[in-house]
C-alpha atoms as a PDB file:
ATOM      1  CA  UNK A   1       0.046   0.083   0.073  1.00  0.00           C
ATOM      2  CA  UNK A   2       1.300   3.456  -1.104  1.00  0.00           C
ATOM      3  CA  UNK A   3       1.797   5.671   2.058  1.00  0.00           C
ATOM      4  CA  UNK A   4       1.019   9.675   2.304  1.00  0.00           C
ATOM      5  CA  UNK A   5      -0.520  12.186   3.403  1.00  0.00           C
ATOM      6  CA  UNK A   6      -1.564  15.890   3.312  1.00  0.00           C
ATOM      7  CA  UNK A   7       0.660  18.351   4.571  1.00  0.00           C
ATOM      8  CA  UNK A   8      -0.298  22.209   4.978  1.00  0.00           C
ATOM      9  CA  UNK A   9      -2.713  20.812   1.940  1.00  0.00           C
ATOM     10  CA  UNK A  10      -0.497  19.554  -0.476  1.00  0.00           C
ATOM     11  CA  UNK A  11       0.552  15.601  -0.796  1.00  0.00           C
ATOM     12  CA  UNK A  12       3.639  14.115   0.266  1.00  0.00           C
ATOM     13  CA  UNK A  13       5.073  11.005   0.788  1.00  0.00           C
ATOM     14  CA  UNK A  14       6.218   9.474   4.129  1.00  0.00           C
ATOM     15  CA  UNK A  15       8.349   6.975   5.229  1.00  0.00           C
ATOM     16  CA  UNK A  16       7.514   3.079   5.807  1.00  0.00           C
ATOM     17  CA  UNK A  17       8.347   4.075   9.230  1.00  0.00           C
ATOM     18  CA  UNK A  18       5.661   7.024   9.778  1.00  0.00           C
ATOM     19  CA  UNK A  19       3.226   5.084  11.608  1.00  0.00           C
ATOM     20  CA  UNK A  20       5.432   2.509  13.602  1.00  0.00           C
ATOM     21  CA  UNK A  21       6.118   3.704  17.315  1.00  0.00           C
ATOM     22  CA  UNK A  22       9.813   3.452  18.844  1.00  0.00           C
ATOM     23  CA  UNK A  23       9.224  -0.757  19.281  1.00  0.00           C
ATOM     24  CA  UNK A  24       8.036  -1.144  15.831  1.00  0.00           C
ATOM     25  CA  UNK A  25       4.391  -1.157  16.359  1.00  0.00           C
ATOM     26  CA  UNK A  26       1.996  -0.183  14.630  1.00  0.00           C
ATOM     27  CA  UNK A  27      -0.157   3.061  15.529  1.00  0.00           C
ATOM     28  CA  UNK A  28      -3.409   3.829  14.203  1.00  0.00           C
ATOM     29  CA  UNK A  29      -3.834   7.729  14.037  1.00  0.00           C
ATOM     30  CA  UNK A  30      -7.304   9.274  15.208  1.00  0.00           C
ATOM     31  CA  UNK A  31      -9.865  10.650  12.548  1.00  0.00           C
ATOM     32  CA  UNK A  32      -9.852  14.329  13.187  1.00  0.00           C
ATOM     33  CA  UNK A  33     -13.689  14.919  11.930  1.00  0.00           C
ATOM     34  CA  UNK A  34     -15.824  13.936  14.210  1.00  0.00           C
ATOM     35  CA  UNK A  35     -18.919  15.750  13.770  1.00  0.00           C
ATOM     36  CA  UNK A  36     -22.487  14.211  13.927  1.00  0.00           C
ATOM     37  CA  UNK A  37     -25.649  13.980  11.954  1.00  0.00           C
ATOM     38  CA  UNK A  38     -28.763  14.239  14.104  1.00  0.00           C
ATOM     39  CA  UNK A  39     -32.088  13.261  13.587  1.00  0.00           C
ATOM     40  CA  UNK A  40     -33.419  16.489  14.285  1.00  0.00           C
ATOM     41  CA  UNK A  41     -33.526  18.087  10.978  1.00  0.00           C
ATOM     42  CA  UNK A  42     -33.251  21.949  12.278  1.00  0.00           C
ATOM     43  CA  UNK A  43     -29.435  20.993  13.524  1.00  0.00           C
ATOM     44  CA  UNK A  44     -26.240  21.793  12.149  1.00  0.00           C
ATOM     45  CA  UNK A  45     -25.796  18.208  10.502  1.00  0.00           C
ATOM     46  CA  UNK A  46     -29.734  17.611  10.344  1.00  0.00           C
ATOM     47  CA  UNK A  47     -30.433  13.994   8.822  1.00  0.00           C
ATOM     48  CA  UNK A  48     -31.911  15.129   5.635  1.00  0.00           C
ATOM     49  CA  UNK A  49     -32.732  12.829   2.058  1.00  0.00           C
ATOM     50  CA  UNK A  50     -29.756  13.320  -0.310  1.00  0.00           C
ATOM     51  CA  UNK A  51     -28.002  16.239   1.434  1.00  0.00           C
ATOM     52  CA  UNK A  52     -24.939  13.678   2.362  1.00  0.00           C
ATOM     53  CA  UNK A  53     -22.421  11.508   0.088  1.00  0.00           C
ATOM     54  CA  UNK A  54     -19.953   8.965   1.214  1.00  0.00           C
ATOM     55  CA  UNK A  55     -16.696   8.464   0.285  1.00  0.00           C
ATOM     56  CA  UNK A  56     -15.347   4.779   0.159  1.00  0.00           C
ATOM     57  CA  UNK A  57     -13.269   2.020  -0.827  1.00  0.00           C
ATOM     58  CA  UNK A  58     -14.991  -0.991   0.110  1.00  0.00           C
ATOM     59  CA  UNK A  59     -12.007  -3.271  -0.123  1.00  0.00           C
ATOM     60  CA  UNK A  60     -11.247  -1.125   3.434  1.00  0.00           C
ATOM     61  CA  UNK A  61     -12.469  -2.905   6.236  1.00  0.00           C
ATOM     62  CA  UNK A  62     -13.036   0.121   7.966  1.00  0.00           C
ATOM     63  CA  UNK A  63     -15.084   1.578   4.569  1.00  0.00           C
ATOM     64  CA  UNK A  64     -16.956  -1.574   4.272  1.00  0.00           C
ATOM     65  CA  UNK A  65     -18.912  -1.334   7.525  1.00  0.00           C
ATOM     66  CA  UNK A  66     -20.506   1.860   6.171  1.00  0.00           C
ATOM     67  CA  UNK A  67     -21.060   0.046   2.768  1.00  0.00           C
ATOM     68  CA  UNK A  68     -22.851  -2.100   4.274  1.00  0.00           C
ATOM     69  CA  UNK A  69     -24.567  -0.426   6.811  1.00  0.00           C
ATOM     70  CA  UNK A  70     -26.330   2.169   4.148  1.00  0.00           C
ATOM     71  CA  UNK A  71     -27.324  -0.841   2.275  1.00  0.00           C
ATOM     72  CA  UNK A  72     -28.554  -3.130   5.460  1.00  0.00           C
ATOM     73  CA  UNK A  73     -30.215  -0.125   6.105  1.00  0.00           C
ATOM     74  CA  UNK A  74     -32.528   0.738   2.843  1.00  0.00           C
ATOM     75  CA  UNK A  75     -30.556   4.437   2.602  1.00  0.00           C
ATOM     76  CA  UNK A  76     -28.732   3.534  -1.117  1.00  0.00           C
ATOM     77  CA  UNK A  77     -31.636   6.401  -1.944  1.00  0.00           C
ATOM     78  CA  UNK A  78     -31.250   8.483   0.600  1.00  0.00           C
ATOM     79  CA  UNK A  79     -27.111   8.812   0.963  1.00  0.00           C
ATOM     80  CA  UNK A  80     -24.970   8.785  -2.767  1.00  0.00           C
ATOM     81  CA  UNK A  81     -21.420   7.372  -2.822  1.00  0.00           C
ATOM     82  CA  UNK A  82     -18.468   7.432  -4.674  1.00  0.00           C
ATOM     83  CA  UNK A  83     -16.415   4.287  -4.788  1.00  0.00           C
ATOM     84  CA  UNK A  84     -12.659   4.426  -5.273  1.00  0.00           C
ATOM     85  CA  UNK A  85      -9.839   2.289  -7.218  1.00  0.00           C
ATOM     86  CA  UNK A  86      -9.588  -0.906  -5.288  1.00  0.00           C
ATOM     87  CA  UNK A  87      -5.894  -0.173  -4.828  1.00  0.00           C
ATOM     88  CA  UNK A  88      -3.900   2.455  -3.854  1.00  0.00           C
ATOM     89  CA  UNK A  89      -2.030   4.862  -6.081  1.00  0.00           C
ATOM     90  CA  UNK A  90       1.253   7.634  -5.749  1.00  0.00           C
ATOM     91  CA  UNK A  91      -1.772   9.661  -4.344  1.00  0.00           C
ATOM     92  CA  UNK A  92      -3.714   7.396  -1.852  1.00  0.00           C
ATOM     93  CA  UNK A  93      -7.190   6.539  -2.974  1.00  0.00           C
ATOM     94  CA  UNK A  94      -7.911   7.639  -6.224  1.00  0.00           C
ATOM     95  CA  UNK A  95     -11.193   8.265  -8.450  1.00  0.00           C
ATOM     96  CA  UNK A  96      -9.722   7.844 -12.024  1.00  0.00           C
ATOM     97  CA  UNK A  97     -11.575   5.783 -14.699  1.00  0.00           C
ATOM     98  CA  UNK A  98      -9.857   3.749 -17.635  1.00  0.00           C
ATOM     99  CA  UNK A  99      -9.593   7.067 -19.617  1.00  0.00           C
ATOM    100  CA  UNK A 100      -7.997   8.891 -17.173  1.00  0.00           C
ATOM    101  CA  UNK A 101     -10.956  11.054 -15.880  1.00  0.00           C
ATOM    102  CA  UNK A 102     -12.807  11.227 -12.572  1.00  0.00           C
ATOM    103  CA  UNK A 103     -15.171   8.492 -11.587  1.00  0.00           C
ATOM    104  CA  UNK A 104     -16.361  10.519  -8.938  1.00  0.00           C
ATOM    105  CA  UNK A 105     -19.680  11.797 -10.759  1.00  0.00           C
ATOM    106  CA  UNK A 106     -20.734  14.031  -7.337  1.00  0.00           C
ATOM    107  CA  UNK A 107     -17.738  15.977  -7.308  1.00  0.00           C
ATOM    108  CA  UNK A 108     -15.079  14.982 -10.247  1.00  0.00           C
ATOM    109  CA  UNK A 109     -11.795  14.466  -7.951  1.00  0.00           C
ATOM    110  CA  UNK A 110      -9.151  12.403  -9.114  1.00  0.00           C
ATOM    111  CA  UNK A 111      -7.351  11.692  -5.292  1.00  0.00           C
ATOM    112  CA  UNK A 112      -9.892  11.276  -1.937  1.00  0.00           C
ATOM    113  CA  UNK A 113      -7.112  13.662  -0.818  1.00  0.00           C
ATOM    114  CA  UNK A 114      -9.036  16.569  -2.652  1.00  0.00           C
ATOM    115  CA  UNK A 115     -11.974  15.839  -0.731  1.00  0.00           C
ATOM    116  CA  UNK A 116      -9.940  16.800   2.018  1.00  0.00           C
ATOM    117  CA  UNK A 117      -8.404  20.139   0.742  1.00  0.00           C
ATOM    118  CA  UNK A 118     -11.795  21.262  -0.085  1.00  0.00           C
ATOM    119  CA  UNK A 119     -12.714  20.516   3.248  1.00  0.00           C
ATOM    120  CA  UNK A 120      -9.916  22.632   5.023  1.00  0.00           C
ATOM    121  CA  UNK A 121      -6.769  24.037   2.400  1.00  0.00           C
ATOM    122  CA  UNK A 122      -4.121  23.964   5.113  1.00  0.00           C
ATOM    123  CA  UNK A 123      -5.460  20.460   6.239  1.00  0.00           C
ATOM    124  CA  UNK A 124      -2.220  18.278   7.379  1.00  0.00           C
ATOM    125  CA  UNK A 125      -2.999  14.816   8.028  1.00  0.00           C
ATOM    126  CA  UNK A 126      -4.250  11.007   6.631  1.00  0.00           C
ATOM    127  CA  UNK A 127      -6.504  10.884   3.632  1.00  0.00           C
ATOM    128  CA  UNK A 128      -8.405   8.033   4.742  1.00  0.00           C
ATOM    129  CA  UNK A 129     -12.177   6.516   4.113  1.00  0.00           C
ATOM    130  CA  UNK A 130     -14.303   6.741   4.733  1.00  0.00           C
ATOM    131  CA  UNK A 131     -15.843  10.103   4.348  1.00  0.00           C
ATOM    132  CA  UNK A 132     -19.069  11.458   4.766  1.00  0.00           C
ATOM    133  CA  UNK A 133     -19.752  14.727   3.276  1.00  0.00           C
ATOM    134  CA  UNK A 134     -22.171  17.632   3.374  1.00  0.00           C
ATOM    135  CA  UNK A 135     -23.523  18.743   0.457  1.00  0.00           C
ATOM    136  CA  UNK A 136     -25.126  21.897   1.741  1.00  0.00           C
ATOM    137  CA  UNK A 137     -22.411  23.186   3.762  1.00  0.00           C
ATOM    138  CA  UNK A 138     -19.451  21.672   1.857  1.00  0.00           C
ATOM    139  CA  UNK A 139     -17.391  20.010   4.290  1.00  0.00           C
ATOM    140  CA  UNK A 140     -16.686  17.026   6.000  1.00  0.00           C
ATOM    141  CA  UNK A 141     -18.911  15.894   8.395  1.00  0.00           C
ATOM    142  CA  UNK A 142     -17.070  12.811   9.741  1.00  0.00           C
ATOM    143  CA  UNK A 143     -14.369  10.260   8.892  1.00  0.00           C
ATOM    144  CA  UNK A 144     -14.558   7.776  11.780  1.00  0.00           C
ATOM    145  CA  UNK A 145     -16.241   4.629  10.345  1.00  0.00           C
ATOM    146  CA  UNK A 146     -17.406   3.976  13.823  1.00  0.00           C
ATOM    147  CA  UNK A 147     -19.001   6.788  14.174  1.00  0.00           C
ATOM    148  CA  UNK A 148     -20.604   6.621  10.722  1.00  0.00           C
ATOM    149  CA  UNK A 149     -21.943   3.149  10.874  1.00  0.00           C
ATOM    150  CA  UNK A 150     -23.666   4.704  14.046  1.00  0.00           C
ATOM    151  CA  UNK A 151     -25.111   7.396  12.880  1.00  0.00           C
ATOM    152  CA  UNK A 152     -26.523   5.398   9.563  1.00  0.00           C
ATOM    153  CA  UNK A 153     -28.215   3.183  11.969  1.00  0.00           C
ATOM    154  CA  UNK A 154     -29.695   5.278  14.144  1.00  0.00           C
ATOM    155  CA  UNK A 155     -29.626   9.137  12.474  1.00  0.00           C
ATOM    156  CA  UNK A 156     -31.332   8.473   9.557  1.00  0.00           C
ATOM    157  CA  UNK A 157     -34.614   6.368  11.060  1.00  0.00           C
ATOM    158  CA  UNK A 158     -36.784   8.963   9.306  1.00  0.00           C
ATOM    159  CA  UNK A 159     -35.626   7.610   5.583  1.00  0.00           C
ATOM    160  CA  UNK A 160     -34.729   3.986   6.357  1.00  0.00           C
ATOM    161  CA  UNK A 161     -37.147   1.185   5.224  1.00  0.00           C
ATOM    162  CA  UNK A 162     -35.194  -1.540   7.601  1.00  0.00           C
ATOM    163  CA  UNK A 163     -36.571  -0.850  11.113  1.00  0.00           C
ATOM    164  CA  UNK A 164     -33.963  -2.966  12.641  1.00  0.00           C
ATOM    165  CA  UNK A 165     -32.034  -0.770  15.737  1.00  0.00           C
ATOM    166  CA  UNK A 166     -28.331  -2.735  15.921  1.00  0.00           C
ATOM    167  CA  UNK A 167     -27.376  -0.669  18.642  1.00  0.00           C
ATOM    168  CA  UNK A 168     -30.323  -1.232  21.273  1.00  0.00           C
ATOM    169  CA  UNK A 169     -30.380   1.147  24.097  1.00  0.00           C
ATOM    170  CA  UNK A 170     -30.753  -1.853  26.546  1.00  0.00           C
ATOM    171  CA  UNK A 171     -27.418  -3.389  25.251  1.00  0.00           C
ATOM    172  CA  UNK A 172     -25.852  -0.431  24.416  1.00  0.00           C
ATOM    173  CA  UNK A 173     -23.020  -0.995  27.256  1.00  0.00           C
ATOM    174  CA  UNK A 174     -22.573  -4.713  26.148  1.00  0.00           C
ATOM    175  CA  UNK A 175     -22.057  -4.017  22.743  1.00  0.00           C
ATOM    176  CA  UNK A 176     -19.480  -0.986  23.741  1.00  0.00           C
ATOM    177  CA  UNK A 177     -17.568  -3.135  25.762  1.00  0.00           C
ATOM    178  CA  UNK A 178     -17.652  -5.634  23.049  1.00  0.00           C
ATOM    179  CA  UNK A 179     -16.758  -3.923  20.086  1.00  0.00           C
ATOM    180  CA  UNK A 180     -13.554  -2.752  22.569  1.00  0.00           C
ATOM    181  CA  UNK A 181     -12.327  -6.493  22.957  1.00  0.00           C
ATOM    182  CA  UNK A 182     -12.806  -6.929  19.140  1.00  0.00           C
ATOM    183  CA  UNK A 183     -10.961  -3.518  18.093  1.00  0.00           C
ATOM    184  CA  UNK A 184      -8.198  -4.330  20.010  1.00  0.00           C
ATOM    185  CA  UNK A 185      -7.771  -7.749  19.546  1.00  0.00           C
ATOM    186  CA  UNK A 186      -8.862  -8.809  15.913  1.00  0.00           C
ATOM    187  CA  UNK A 187      -9.930  -5.213  13.574  1.00  0.00           C
ATOM    188  CA  UNK A 188      -6.616  -3.298  14.496  1.00  0.00           C
ATOM    189  CA  UNK A 189      -5.185  -6.402  15.988  1.00  0.00           C
ATOM    190  CA  UNK A 190      -4.581  -7.719  12.200  1.00  0.00           C
ATOM    191  CA  UNK A 191      -2.916  -4.377  11.154  1.00  0.00           C
ATOM    192  CA  UNK A 192      -0.559  -4.711  14.101  1.00  0.00           C
ATOM    193  CA  UNK A 193       0.665  -7.971  13.086  1.00  0.00           C
ATOM    194  CA  UNK A 194       0.775  -6.977   9.005  1.00  0.00           C
ATOM    195  CA  UNK A 195       2.202  -3.469   9.696  1.00  0.00           C
ATOM    196  CA  UNK A 196       4.988  -4.263  12.746  1.00  0.00           C
ATOM    197  CA  UNK A 197       7.889  -3.109  11.992  1.00  0.00           C
ATOM    198  CA  UNK A 198      10.028  -5.270  14.272  1.00  0.00           C
ATOM    199  CA  UNK A 199       9.517  -9.221  15.568  1.00  0.00           C
ATOM    200  CA  UNK A 200       8.743  -8.218  19.198  1.00  0.00           C
ATOM    201  CA  UNK A 201       5.998  -5.920  17.571  1.00  0.00           C
ATOM    202  CA  UNK A 202       4.467  -8.976  15.423  1.00  0.00           C
ATOM    203  CA  UNK A 203       4.423 -11.408  18.235  1.00  0.00           C
ATOM    204  CA  UNK A 204       2.287  -9.581  20.390  1.00  0.00           C
ATOM    205  CA  UNK A 205      -0.223  -8.422  17.657  1.00  0.00           C
ATOM    206  CA  UNK A 206       0.001 -12.317  16.240  1.00  0.00           C
ATOM    207  CA  UNK A 207      -0.872 -13.462  19.962  1.00  0.00           C
ATOM    208  CA  UNK A 208      -3.726 -11.047  20.309  1.00  0.00           C
ATOM    209  CA  UNK A 209      -5.522 -11.937  17.113  1.00  0.00           C
ATOM    210  CA  UNK A 210      -5.661 -15.362  18.126  1.00  0.00           C
ATOM    211  CA  UNK A 211      -6.526 -15.322  21.604  1.00  0.00           C
ATOM    212  CA  UNK A 212      -9.185 -13.239  20.392  1.00  0.00           C
ATOM    213  CA  UNK A 213     -10.161 -15.713  17.352  1.00  0.00           C
ATOM    214  CA  UNK A 214     -10.261 -18.055  20.321  1.00  0.00           C
ATOM    215  CA  UNK A 215     -12.748 -16.225  22.655  1.00  0.00           C
ATOM    216  CA  UNK A 216     -14.677 -15.529  19.890  1.00  0.00           C
ATOM    217  CA  UNK A 217     -15.240 -19.193  19.113  1.00  0.00           C
ATOM    218  CA  UNK A 218     -16.022 -19.918  22.644  1.00  0.00           C
ATOM    219  CA  UNK A 219     -18.872 -17.516  22.826  1.00  0.00           C
ATOM    220  CA  UNK A 220     -20.204 -19.204  19.299  1.00  0.00           C
ATOM    221  CA  UNK A 221     -20.671 -22.330  20.692  1.00  0.00           C
ATOM    222  CA  UNK A 222     -23.565 -20.985  22.997  1.00  0.00           C
ATOM    223  CA  UNK A 223     -25.275 -18.081  21.171  1.00  0.00           C
ATOM    224  CA  UNK A 224     -25.998 -18.028  17.319  1.00  0.00           C
ATOM    225  CA  UNK A 225     -24.803 -13.737  17.466  1.00  0.00           C
ATOM    226  CA  UNK A 226     -22.390 -12.128  19.532  1.00  0.00           C
ATOM    227  CA  UNK A 227     -24.970 -10.801  22.262  1.00  0.00           C
ATOM    228  CA  UNK A 228     -27.707 -13.861  21.831  1.00  0.00           C
ATOM    229  CA  UNK A 229     -30.034 -14.044  19.676  1.00  0.00           C
ATOM    230  CA  UNK A 230     -30.440 -10.614  17.385  1.00  0.00           C
ATOM    231  CA  UNK A 231     -27.508  -8.970  15.216  1.00  0.00           C
ATOM    232  CA  UNK A 232     -26.370  -6.346  17.024  1.00  0.00           C
ATOM    233  CA  UNK A 233     -23.401  -3.764  15.523  1.00  0.00           C
ATOM    234  CA  UNK A 234     -20.672  -5.660  17.324  1.00  0.00           C
ATOM    235  CA  UNK A 235     -21.176  -8.404  14.723  1.00  0.00           C
ATOM    236  CA  UNK A 236     -21.367  -6.423  11.829  1.00  0.00           C
ATOM    237  CA  UNK A 237     -18.113  -4.805  12.757  1.00  0.00           C
ATOM    238  CA  UNK A 238     -16.721  -8.345  13.026  1.00  0.00           C
ATOM    239  CA  UNK A 239     -17.804  -9.486   9.733  1.00  0.00           C
ATOM    240  CA  UNK A 240     -15.644  -6.878   8.137  1.00  0.00           C
ATOM    241  CA  UNK A 241     -12.767  -8.520   9.269  1.00  0.00           C
ATOM    242  CA  UNK A 242     -13.726 -11.720   9.148  1.00  0.00           C
ATOM    243  CA  UNK A 243     -14.807 -11.201   5.143  1.00  0.00           C
ATOM    244  CA  UNK A 244     -11.220 -10.417   4.593  1.00  0.00           C
ATOM    245  CA  UNK A 245      -9.418 -12.924   7.045  1.00  0.00           C
ATOM    246  CA  UNK A 246      -8.876 -16.122   4.894  1.00  0.00           C
ATOM    247  CA  UNK A 247      -8.084 -14.068   1.736  1.00  0.00           C
ATOM    248  CA  UNK A 248      -6.032 -11.260   2.972  1.00  0.00           C
ATOM    249  CA  UNK A 249      -4.716 -11.334   6.901  1.00  0.00           C
ATOM    250  CA  UNK A 250      -3.945 -14.890   7.034  1.00  0.00           C
ATOM    251  CA  UNK A 251      -1.158 -14.738   4.225  1.00  0.00           C
ATOM    252  CA  UNK A 252      -0.235 -11.084   3.650  1.00  0.00           C
ATOM    253  CA  UNK A 253      -0.044  -9.803   7.340  1.00  0.00           C
ATOM    254  CA  UNK A 254       1.157 -13.031   8.440  1.00  0.00           C
ATOM    255  CA  UNK A 255      -1.598 -14.613  10.816  1.00  0.00           C
ATOM    256  CA  UNK A 256      -0.968 -17.642   9.359  1.00  0.00           C
ATOM    257  CA  UNK A 257      -2.054 -19.795  12.559  1.00  0.00           C
ATOM    258  CA  UNK A 258      -5.264 -20.597  11.486  1.00  0.00           C
ATOM    259  CA  UNK A 259      -8.019 -19.957   8.781  1.00  0.00           C
ATOM    260  CA  UNK A 260     -11.381 -18.824   9.984  1.00  0.00           C
ATOM    261  CA  UNK A 261     -12.598 -21.541   7.773  1.00  0.00           C
ATOM    262  CA  UNK A 262     -10.766 -23.862  10.347  1.00  0.00           C
ATOM    263  CA  UNK A 263     -12.822 -22.205  13.409  1.00  0.00           C
ATOM    264  CA  UNK A 264     -16.357 -24.515  13.155  1.00  0.00           C
ATOM    265  CA  UNK A 265     -18.303 -21.671  14.904  1.00  0.00           C
ATOM    266  CA  UNK A 266     -16.793 -18.769  13.660  1.00  0.00           C
ATOM    267  CA  UNK A 267     -16.976 -19.768  10.212  1.00  0.00           C
ATOM    268  CA  UNK A 268     -20.531 -21.098  10.206  1.00  0.00           C
ATOM    269  CA  UNK A 269     -21.330 -17.738  12.376  1.00  0.00           C
ATOM    270  CA  UNK A 270     -19.822 -16.021   9.364  1.00  0.00           C
ATOM    271  CA  UNK A 271     -21.826 -17.204   6.630  1.00  0.00           C
ATOM    272  CA  UNK A 272     -25.010 -17.015   8.873  1.00  0.00           C
ATOM    273  CA  UNK A 273     -24.088 -13.311   8.517  1.00  0.00           C
ATOM    274  CA  UNK A 274     -23.301 -13.485   4.694  1.00  0.00           C
ATOM    275  CA  UNK A 275     -26.398 -15.024   3.934  1.00  0.00           C
ATOM    276  CA  UNK A 276     -28.494 -12.273   5.845  1.00  0.00           C
ATOM    277  CA  UNK A 277     -30.525  -9.973   3.352  1.00  0.00           C
ATOM    278  CA  UNK A 278     -28.783  -7.075   1.462  1.00  0.00           C
ATOM    279  CA  UNK A 279     -25.733  -7.969   2.511  1.00  0.00           C
ATOM    280  CA  UNK A 280     -23.821 -10.915  -0.628  1.00  0.00           C
ATOM    281  CA  UNK A 281     -24.830  -7.861  -2.897  1.00  0.00           C
ATOM    282  CA  UNK A 282     -21.898  -5.384  -1.206  1.00  0.00           C
ATOM    283  CA  UNK A 283     -19.258  -8.284  -0.568  1.00  0.00           C
ATOM    284  CA  UNK A 284     -17.043  -7.797  -3.784  1.00  0.00           C
ATOM    285  CA  UNK A 285     -13.990 -10.096  -3.710  1.00  0.00           C
ATOM    286  CA  UNK A 286     -12.282  -8.426  -6.106  1.00  0.00           C
ATOM    287  CA  UNK A 287     -11.858  -5.352  -4.749  1.00  0.00           C
ATOM    288  CA  UNK A 288     -11.168  -6.962  -1.633  1.00  0.00           C
ATOM    289  CA  UNK A 289      -7.603  -8.586  -3.160  1.00  0.00           C
ATOM    290  CA  UNK A 290      -7.166  -5.185  -4.736  1.00  0.00           C
ATOM    291  CA  UNK A 291      -6.220  -2.780  -1.993  1.00  0.00           C
ATOM    292  CA  UNK A 292      -4.086  -5.815  -0.188  1.00  0.00           C
ATOM    293  CA  UNK A 293      -2.546  -7.240  -3.299  1.00  0.00           C
ATOM    294  CA  UNK A 294      -2.759  -4.491  -5.968  1.00  0.00           C
ATOM    295  CA  UNK A 295       0.803  -3.550  -4.979  1.00  0.00           C
ATOM    296  CA  UNK A 296       2.254  -6.973  -5.807  1.00  0.00           C
ATOM    297  CA  UNK A 297       1.924  -7.156  -9.522  1.00  0.00           C
ATOM    298  CA  UNK A 298       0.287 -10.328  -9.369  1.00  0.00           C
ATOM    299  CA  UNK A 299      -3.937 -10.876  -7.840  1.00  0.00           C
ATOM    300  CA  UNK A 300      -4.159 -14.193  -5.951  1.00  0.00           C
ATOM    301  CA  UNK A 301      -6.975 -16.692  -7.308  1.00  0.00           C
ATOM    302  CA  UNK A 302      -8.360 -18.297  -3.810  1.00  0.00           C
ATOM    303  CA  UNK A 303      -9.496 -18.904  -1.747  1.00  0.00           C
ATOM    304  CA  UNK A 304     -12.113 -20.426  -2.690  1.00  0.00           C
ATOM    305  CA  UNK A 305     -14.010 -20.976   0.556  1.00  0.00           C
ATOM    306  CA  UNK A 306     -18.251 -21.270   0.273  1.00  0.00           C
ATOM    307  CA  UNK A 307     -19.803 -18.760   1.576  1.00  0.00           C
ATOM    308  CA  UNK A 308     -23.126 -19.613   0.054  1.00  0.00           C
ATOM    309  CA  UNK A 309     -22.976 -23.572   2.160  1.00  0.00           C
ATOM    310  CA  UNK A 310     -25.524 -23.741   4.524  1.00  0.00           C
ATOM    311  CA  UNK A 311     -24.702 -22.303   7.968  1.00  0.00           C
ATOM    312  CA  UNK A 312     -26.675 -24.360  10.096  1.00  0.00           C
ATOM    313  CA  UNK A 313     -27.344 -21.694  12.774  1.00  0.00           C
ATOM    314  CA  UNK A 314     -30.786 -21.103  13.083  1.00  0.00           C
END
């Protein structure tokens, strides 16, 4: 993956060690835009149909969360969306079509970093996905996937055709606790393996990844979903990583103790989620491969996991 960032609004390359601590551990930066769309239409960022736009890369697990929730809730006609090319270019995520023009039919940008510069001409930082853009105020609302996921679930309810609340009030403490476990051990844990700059950092991250997978396997031995009989936000946050594990993290990120298919409960659970309505149509295996393998020159053909096989968890 090509690494770079904006410095005072101008694109600049960065060294491979830019996101590593003193002991080689991968360090993720915090998202700088954290405003919130509110269900009250009179708020600064009020929920309205047609007002907001998502910039995503479908292959990116963080951006995929937003893609998935937008589809699950039936918001595809409410919030427009631009998808970048699968692999990063020399200037990060790109929107370039086969003719060399922009594939972003909303704003016509060729690079995601232009979206950031349009919001703040002097911005310094990384241009990451997803980005939630306000067409009315011409600015970025939020670029934190966890926030956007929750806004799509809760704050656009007036426009959603799926009434399921994946973050119900009575389960919020349990969901937050589960999310923290999954993020530390797995969602971000695989990246701590893949981007480790020392053997010590890699070893520590590797152990945490498989300790978390073992923990989840035990939980799913006794219940259909992470918090019981109903799907919650935690399940979708985990699902995004499970989709990519055997395909990329096992080999590319050196998380090679076991595959998801080697965990009977996790593998059946992952298929259960995949087979839920509106989910499979969001899964683009070639786009997933693109962000992890495009820089190598050769895209792997496998794995050939059968996600449509009966899961038996009803």
